[in-house]
């Protein structure tokens, strides 16, 4: 367990720190409330022992700021115990209102302190398990179970946020709609298990192309999603038209190079993908227009022979 000890009196801090360290805990010391807030955000402690009266910033104000910071984080709550030599009723009320959880006397006997810390350590372990469980649940809620990409629900939420941000800042927005060519024929010929394997391989190749663009700095906020069935989407906010086209062509090439046999995909003989794209240099209007434009471009890509990319015309975009 990592403990943030906030105490301005050096001798008290040294004694308390030594006692806690002897119990096997990792102790980080802050000399006042302002430093404590900074160290809390940097160190992510499991427990805070907070003195009340300190220069620069007292313990109540520091606790208020820590709770305000935690309110911006997911699954965040850290026990805060106030260190005090005077456990008056007014101090207790103020401590609870500031976001504290309990009092701890500075002159607490060794055995009692050890017992209290054992209890806090159990709470820290439970918090960690709960945080891991919550993260897993969130991942399951936002990820497509077959491919591991963003699912449709998660994509819609992120698109709305990205579109609103682009509209308010006057930025660009790109979208790719992708469809595995003749996938129904693939399923009918090779079976649904092979179809699932195919979709996983295609999704991995799509996402790798997107991640390469992100790593290269061409499309920092781009992400890929499974739109439904054999359809995928790549959302590319705040990027150039060249970046949108580059990602699309990279994906078409990557899927073809997978070399997944597809006897019923005329001309090519392997699994291929068709991509329709839309790019808006300065966002305005409803977000569904960009989906319509990309979908129309996807239809043209299929009509033109598949295994290709088509960009929406400027008027459509």
Protein backbone atom coordinates (compact mmCIF):
# COMPACT_ATOMS: atom_id res chain seq x y z
CA UNK A 1 0.00 0.00 0.00
CA UNK A 2 1.28 3.46 -0.92
CA UNK A 3 0.56 6.16 1.68
CA UNK A 4 0.73 9.91 1.11
CA UNK A 5 1.70 11.47 4.45
CA UNK A 6 0.97 15.20 4.62
CA UNK A 7 2.67 16.82 7.62
CA UNK A 8 4.48 20.16 7.93
CA UNK A 9 6.33 19.38 11.18
CA UNK A 10 9.50 17.59 10.14
CA UNK A 11 9.99 15.59 13.33
CA UNK A 12 6.38 14.35 13.32
CA UNK A 13 6.68 13.45 9.63
CA UNK A 14 9.93 11.54 10.23
CA UNK A 15 8.52 9.57 13.17
CA UNK A 16 5.23 8.73 11.47
CA UNK A 17 6.98 7.84 8.22
CA UNK A 18 9.37 5.51 10.05
CA UNK A 19 6.50 3.80 11.85
CA UNK A 20 4.55 3.25 8.62
CA UNK A 21 7.64 2.07 6.75
CA UNK A 22 8.35 -0.47 9.50
CA UNK A 23 4.92 -1.98 8.76
CA UNK A 24 6.00 -2.55 5.15
CA UNK A 25 4.19 0.37 3.52
CA UNK A 26 5.54 2.74 0.87
CA UNK A 27 5.40 6.31 2.22
CA UNK A 28 5.47 9.56 0.23
CA UNK A 29 5.78 12.75 2.30
CA UNK A 30 4.37 16.19 1.47
CA UNK A 31 5.23 19.27 3.53
CA UNK A 32 1.96 21.15 2.98
CA UNK A 33 -1.44 20.89 1.32
CA UNK A 34 -0.37 22.39 -2.01
CA UNK A 35 2.47 19.90 -2.43
CA UNK A 36 0.10 17.15 -1.31
CA UNK A 37 -2.35 17.88 -4.13
CA UNK A 38 0.48 17.79 -6.69
CA UNK A 39 1.91 14.55 -5.30
CA UNK A 40 -1.53 12.96 -5.13
CA UNK A 41 -2.02 13.41 -8.89
CA UNK A 42 1.49 12.13 -9.58
CA UNK A 43 1.77 9.21 -7.15
CA UNK A 44 -1.84 7.86 -7.03
CA UNK A 45 -1.60 6.73 -3.38
CA UNK A 46 -3.91 4.16 -1.79
CA UNK A 47 -4.33 6.21 1.41
CA UNK A 48 -3.80 9.83 2.50
CA UNK A 49 -2.88 10.83 6.04
CA UNK A 50 -3.59 14.55 6.14
CA UNK A 51 -2.52 17.08 8.78
CA UNK A 52 -5.01 19.90 9.33
CA UNK A 53 -3.10 23.06 10.26
CA UNK A 54 -0.33 23.72 7.70
CA UNK A 55 1.18 26.74 5.95
CA UNK A 56 0.44 27.56 2.28
CA UNK A 57 -2.69 25.35 2.23
CA UNK A 58 -4.40 23.60 5.15
CA UNK A 59 -5.62 20.02 5.15
CA UNK A 60 -9.29 20.85 4.56
CA UNK A 61 -8.55 22.84 1.39
CA UNK A 62 -6.13 20.17 0.14
CA UNK A 63 -8.78 17.50 0.68
CA UNK A 64 -11.35 19.57 -1.22
CA UNK A 65 -8.96 19.82 -4.17
CA UNK A 66 -8.12 16.12 -4.10
CA UNK A 67 -11.82 15.23 -4.18
CA UNK A 68 -12.36 17.67 -7.05
CA UNK A 69 -9.54 15.97 -8.99
CA UNK A 70 -10.97 12.51 -8.26
CA UNK A 71 -14.34 13.65 -9.60
CA UNK A 72 -12.70 13.94 -13.04
CA UNK A 73 -11.32 10.38 -12.92
CA UNK A 74 -13.04 7.03 -13.40
CA UNK A 75 -13.63 4.76 -10.42
CA UNK A 76 -11.64 7.07 -8.13
CA UNK A 77 -11.99 7.30 -4.38
CA UNK A 78 -9.09 7.32 -1.93
CA UNK A 79 -9.51 7.15 1.85
CA UNK A 80 -8.32 10.33 3.58
CA UNK A 81 -7.63 10.23 7.33
CA UNK A 82 -6.95 13.48 9.15
CA UNK A 83 -4.00 13.58 11.54
CA UNK A 84 -4.84 15.69 14.56
CA UNK A 85 -3.95 16.36 18.14
CA UNK A 86 -7.44 17.71 18.81
CA UNK A 87 -10.48 15.68 17.71
CA UNK A 88 -13.08 18.35 18.48
CA UNK A 89 -16.63 18.02 17.19
CA UNK A 90 -16.17 21.04 14.91
CA UNK A 91 -13.01 19.57 13.40
CA UNK A 92 -14.81 16.28 12.76
CA UNK A 93 -17.73 18.05 11.01
CA UNK A 94 -15.36 20.19 8.91
CA UNK A 95 -13.28 17.14 7.99
CA UNK A 96 -16.28 15.14 6.78
CA UNK A 97 -17.65 18.11 4.82
CA UNK A 98 -14.25 18.57 3.17
CA UNK A 99 -14.30 14.96 1.97
CA UNK A 100 -12.35 13.26 4.73
CA UNK A 101 -13.24 9.82 6.07
CA UNK A 102 -11.86 9.59 9.60
CA UNK A 103 -9.50 10.99 12.24
CA UNK A 104 -6.20 9.59 13.41
CA UNK A 105 -4.46 10.92 16.52
CA UNK A 106 -0.80 11.78 15.97
CA UNK A 107 0.06 10.10 19.26
CA UNK A 108 -1.79 6.89 18.38
CA UNK A 109 -0.32 3.76 20.04
CA UNK A 110 1.81 1.52 17.82
CA UNK A 111 -0.53 -1.49 17.93
CA UNK A 112 -3.60 0.62 17.13
CA UNK A 113 -1.81 2.33 14.24
CA UNK A 114 -0.75 -1.05 12.83
CA UNK A 115 -4.31 -2.39 13.10
CA UNK A 116 -5.74 0.72 11.42
CA UNK A 117 -3.26 0.43 8.56
CA UNK A 118 -4.09 -3.26 8.08
CA UNK A 119 -7.75 -2.30 7.71
CA UNK A 120 -6.83 0.45 5.21
CA UNK A 121 -4.68 -2.04 3.31
CA UNK A 122 -7.66 -4.38 2.91
CA UNK A 123 -9.73 -1.48 1.62
CA UNK A 124 -6.96 -0.61 -0.86
CA UNK A 125 -6.94 -4.18 -2.18
CA UNK A 126 -10.72 -4.16 -2.59
CA UNK A 127 -10.56 -0.80 -4.39
CA UNK A 128 -7.96 -2.20 -6.79
CA UNK A 129 -10.08 -5.27 -7.56
CA UNK A 130 -13.18 -3.13 -8.05
CA UNK A 131 -11.29 -0.79 -10.39
CA UNK A 132 -10.04 -3.72 -12.49
CA UNK A 133 -13.54 -5.22 -12.64
CA UNK A 134 -15.06 -1.89 -13.66
CA UNK A 135 -12.46 -1.39 -16.39
CA UNK A 136 -13.17 -4.86 -17.77
CA UNK A 137 -16.90 -4.20 -17.77
CA UNK A 138 -16.34 -0.90 -19.57
CA UNK A 139 -14.15 -2.61 -22.16
CA UNK A 140 -16.81 -5.26 -22.73
CA UNK A 141 -19.45 -2.55 -23.13
CA UNK A 142 -17.37 -0.61 -25.67
CA UNK A 143 -15.63 -3.37 -27.61
CA UNK A 144 -16.94 -5.63 -30.32
CA UNK A 145 -16.80 -9.16 -28.97
CA UNK A 146 -15.55 -10.77 -32.18
CA UNK A 147 -12.93 -8.32 -33.45
CA UNK A 148 -11.91 -6.30 -30.39
CA UNK A 149 -12.54 -3.03 -32.23
CA UNK A 150 -14.88 -0.33 -30.96
CA UNK A 151 -18.46 -1.50 -31.21
CA UNK A 152 -21.22 0.51 -32.84
CA UNK A 153 -22.40 2.03 -29.55
CA UNK A 154 -18.94 3.20 -28.60
CA UNK A 155 -18.27 4.50 -32.11
CA UNK A 156 -21.48 6.56 -32.15
CA UNK A 157 -20.58 8.16 -28.83
CA UNK A 158 -17.04 9.01 -29.93
CA UNK A 159 -18.23 10.31 -33.30
CA UNK A 160 -20.71 12.66 -31.62
CA UNK A 161 -17.98 14.01 -29.36
CA UNK A 162 -15.46 14.35 -32.19
CA UNK A 163 -17.98 15.98 -34.52
CA UNK A 164 -19.07 18.50 -31.89
CA UNK A 165 -15.45 19.35 -31.11
CA UNK A 166 -14.60 19.76 -34.80
CA UNK A 167 -17.66 21.96 -35.35
CA UNK A 168 -16.85 24.24 -32.41
CA UNK A 169 -13.18 24.56 -33.46
CA UNK A 170 -13.76 24.76 -37.20
CA UNK A 171 -11.75 21.61 -37.86
CA UNK A 172 -11.91 18.85 -40.45
CA UNK A 173 -13.53 15.45 -40.23
CA UNK A 174 -12.91 12.31 -42.26
CA UNK A 175 -14.81 9.03 -42.36
CA UNK A 176 -14.23 5.71 -44.12
CA UNK A 177 -16.92 3.09 -44.57
CA UNK A 178 -15.53 -0.37 -45.39
CA UNK A 179 -17.22 -3.55 -46.56
CA UNK A 180 -15.66 -6.99 -47.10
CA UNK A 181 -16.34 -7.91 -50.72
CA UNK A 182 -18.76 -10.80 -51.35
CA UNK A 183 -18.64 -11.85 -47.70
CA UNK A 184 -21.96 -13.72 -47.83
CA UNK A 185 -20.50 -15.93 -50.55
CA UNK A 186 -17.43 -16.47 -48.35
CA UNK A 187 -19.61 -17.60 -45.44
CA UNK A 188 -21.69 -19.85 -47.66
CA UNK A 189 -18.60 -21.53 -49.13
CA UNK A 190 -16.22 -21.74 -46.16
CA UNK A 191 -18.63 -21.75 -43.21
CA UNK A 192 -19.34 -19.31 -40.41
CA UNK A 193 -16.37 -20.28 -38.23
CA UNK A 194 -14.03 -19.47 -41.11
CA UNK A 195 -16.06 -16.30 -41.63
CA UNK A 196 -15.40 -15.25 -38.04
CA UNK A 197 -11.67 -15.92 -38.48
CA UNK A 198 -11.73 -13.86 -41.67
CA UNK A 199 -13.41 -10.90 -39.96
CA UNK A 200 -10.91 -11.01 -37.11
CA UNK A 201 -7.99 -10.96 -39.56
CA UNK A 202 -9.54 -8.12 -41.57
CA UNK A 203 -10.24 -6.10 -38.40
CA UNK A 204 -6.65 -6.55 -37.24
CA UNK A 205 -5.30 -5.35 -40.59
CA UNK A 206 -7.63 -2.34 -40.60
CA UNK A 207 -6.67 -1.36 -37.09
CA UNK A 208 -2.95 -1.78 -37.82
CA UNK A 209 -3.21 0.64 -40.74
CA UNK A 210 -5.00 3.13 -38.51
CA UNK A 211 -2.46 2.73 -35.71
CA UNK A 212 0.39 3.24 -38.18
CA UNK A 213 -1.20 6.54 -39.24
CA UNK A 214 -1.66 7.55 -35.60
CA UNK A 215 1.96 6.67 -34.76
CA UNK A 216 3.14 8.58 -37.81
CA UNK A 217 1.31 11.71 -36.69
CA UNK A 218 -0.92 11.84 -39.76
CA UNK A 219 -4.17 11.22 -37.93
CA UNK A 220 -3.65 11.48 -34.19
CA UNK A 221 -7.29 10.94 -33.20
CA UNK A 222 -8.25 8.25 -35.74
CA UNK A 223 -9.84 5.01 -34.60
CA UNK A 224 -11.46 1.96 -36.18
CA UNK A 225 -14.78 0.30 -35.35
CA UNK A 226 -16.96 -2.58 -36.40
CA UNK A 227 -20.04 -1.00 -37.91
CA UNK A 228 -22.01 -4.24 -38.17
CA UNK A 229 -21.70 -7.62 -39.85
CA UNK A 230 -18.86 -7.43 -42.40
CA UNK A 231 -18.90 -3.62 -42.36
CA UNK A 232 -16.29 -1.50 -40.63
CA UNK A 233 -15.68 2.22 -40.14
CA UNK A 234 -12.63 4.38 -39.61
CA UNK A 235 -13.20 7.78 -38.01
CA UNK A 236 -10.51 10.38 -38.76
CA UNK A 237 -11.09 13.73 -37.02
CA UNK A 238 -8.80 16.71 -37.54
CA UNK A 239 -6.68 15.32 -40.39
CA UNK A 240 -5.93 16.22 -43.98
CA UNK A 241 -7.67 14.80 -47.05
CA UNK A 242 -4.35 13.20 -47.99
CA UNK A 243 -4.27 11.39 -44.63
CA UNK A 244 -7.81 10.09 -45.16
CA UNK A 245 -6.91 8.82 -48.64
CA UNK A 246 -3.63 7.37 -47.42
CA UNK A 247 -5.30 5.36 -44.66
CA UNK A 248 -7.94 4.08 -47.09
CA UNK A 249 -5.42 2.93 -49.69
CA UNK A 250 -3.26 1.36 -47.01
CA UNK A 251 -6.23 -0.67 -45.77
CA UNK A 252 -7.22 -1.84 -49.28
CA UNK A 253 -3.64 -2.96 -49.89
CA UNK A 254 -3.27 -4.61 -46.47
CA UNK A 255 -6.45 -6.70 -46.83
CA UNK A 256 -5.47 -7.86 -50.32
CA UNK A 257 -2.02 -8.83 -49.07
CA UNK A 258 -3.51 -11.03 -46.34
CA UNK A 259 -4.07 -13.52 -49.13
CA UNK A 260 -7.11 -15.14 -47.55
CA UNK A 261 -8.49 -17.49 -50.19
CA UNK A 262 -11.95 -16.57 -51.50
CA UNK A 263 -12.90 -18.62 -54.55
CA UNK A 264 -16.18 -16.76 -55.00
CA UNK A 265 -14.67 -13.28 -55.04
CA UNK A 266 -14.55 -12.81 -58.81
CA UNK A 267 -11.35 -11.45 -60.37
CA UNK A 268 -9.31 -11.45 -57.20
CA UNK A 269 -9.56 -14.96 -55.73
CA UNK A 270 -8.73 -13.65 -52.25
CA UNK A 271 -10.58 -11.61 -49.65
CA UNK A 272 -10.68 -7.92 -50.56
CA UNK A 273 -12.35 -4.85 -49.19
CA UNK A 274 -14.11 -1.86 -50.71
CA UNK A 275 -13.80 1.55 -49.06
CA UNK A 276 -15.88 4.69 -49.40
CA UNK A 277 -14.63 7.90 -47.85
CA UNK A 278 -15.93 11.37 -47.07
CA UNK A 279 -13.88 14.35 -46.01
CA UNK A 280 -15.14 17.70 -44.76
CA UNK A 281 -12.55 20.42 -44.39
CA UNK A 282 -14.65 22.53 -42.04
CA UNK A 283 -17.39 20.77 -40.10
CA UNK A 284 -20.92 22.11 -40.04
CA UNK A 285 -24.41 20.63 -40.10
CA UNK A 286 -25.57 17.19 -38.92
CA UNK A 287 -23.08 14.34 -38.57
CA UNK A 288 -25.26 11.86 -40.47
CA UNK A 289 -24.47 13.71 -43.72
CA UNK A 290 -20.86 12.53 -43.64
CA UNK A 291 -22.06 8.94 -43.18
CA UNK A 292 -24.38 9.27 -46.16
CA UNK A 293 -21.58 10.64 -48.31
CA UNK A 294 -19.15 7.88 -47.29
CA UNK A 295 -21.80 5.21 -47.84
CA UNK A 296 -22.52 6.56 -51.34
CA UNK A 297 -18.80 6.46 -52.12
CA UNK A 298 -18.65 2.87 -50.84
CA UNK A 299 -21.46 1.93 -53.23
CA UNK A 300 -19.49 3.45 -56.11
CA UNK A 301 -16.39 1.50 -55.11
CA UNK A 302 -18.36 -1.73 -55.32
CA UNK A 303 -19.96 -0.77 -58.63
CA UNK A 304 -16.50 0.03 -60.04
CA UNK A 305 -15.22 -3.49 -59.38
CA UNK A 306 -14.46 -3.70 -55.64
CA UNK A 307 -11.04 -3.90 -53.98
CA UNK A 308 -10.72 -0.13 -54.26
CA UNK A 309 -11.27 3.22 -52.60
CA UNK A 310 -13.65 5.96 -53.70
CA UNK A 311 -13.83 9.40 -52.11
CA UNK A 312 -17.12 11.29 -51.96
CA UNK A 313 -17.37 14.11 -54.46
CA UNK A 314 -16.94 17.64 -53.02
CA UNK A 315 -20.66 18.33 -53.48
CA UNK A 316 -21.64 15.13 -51.64
CA UNK A 317 -19.08 15.75 -48.92
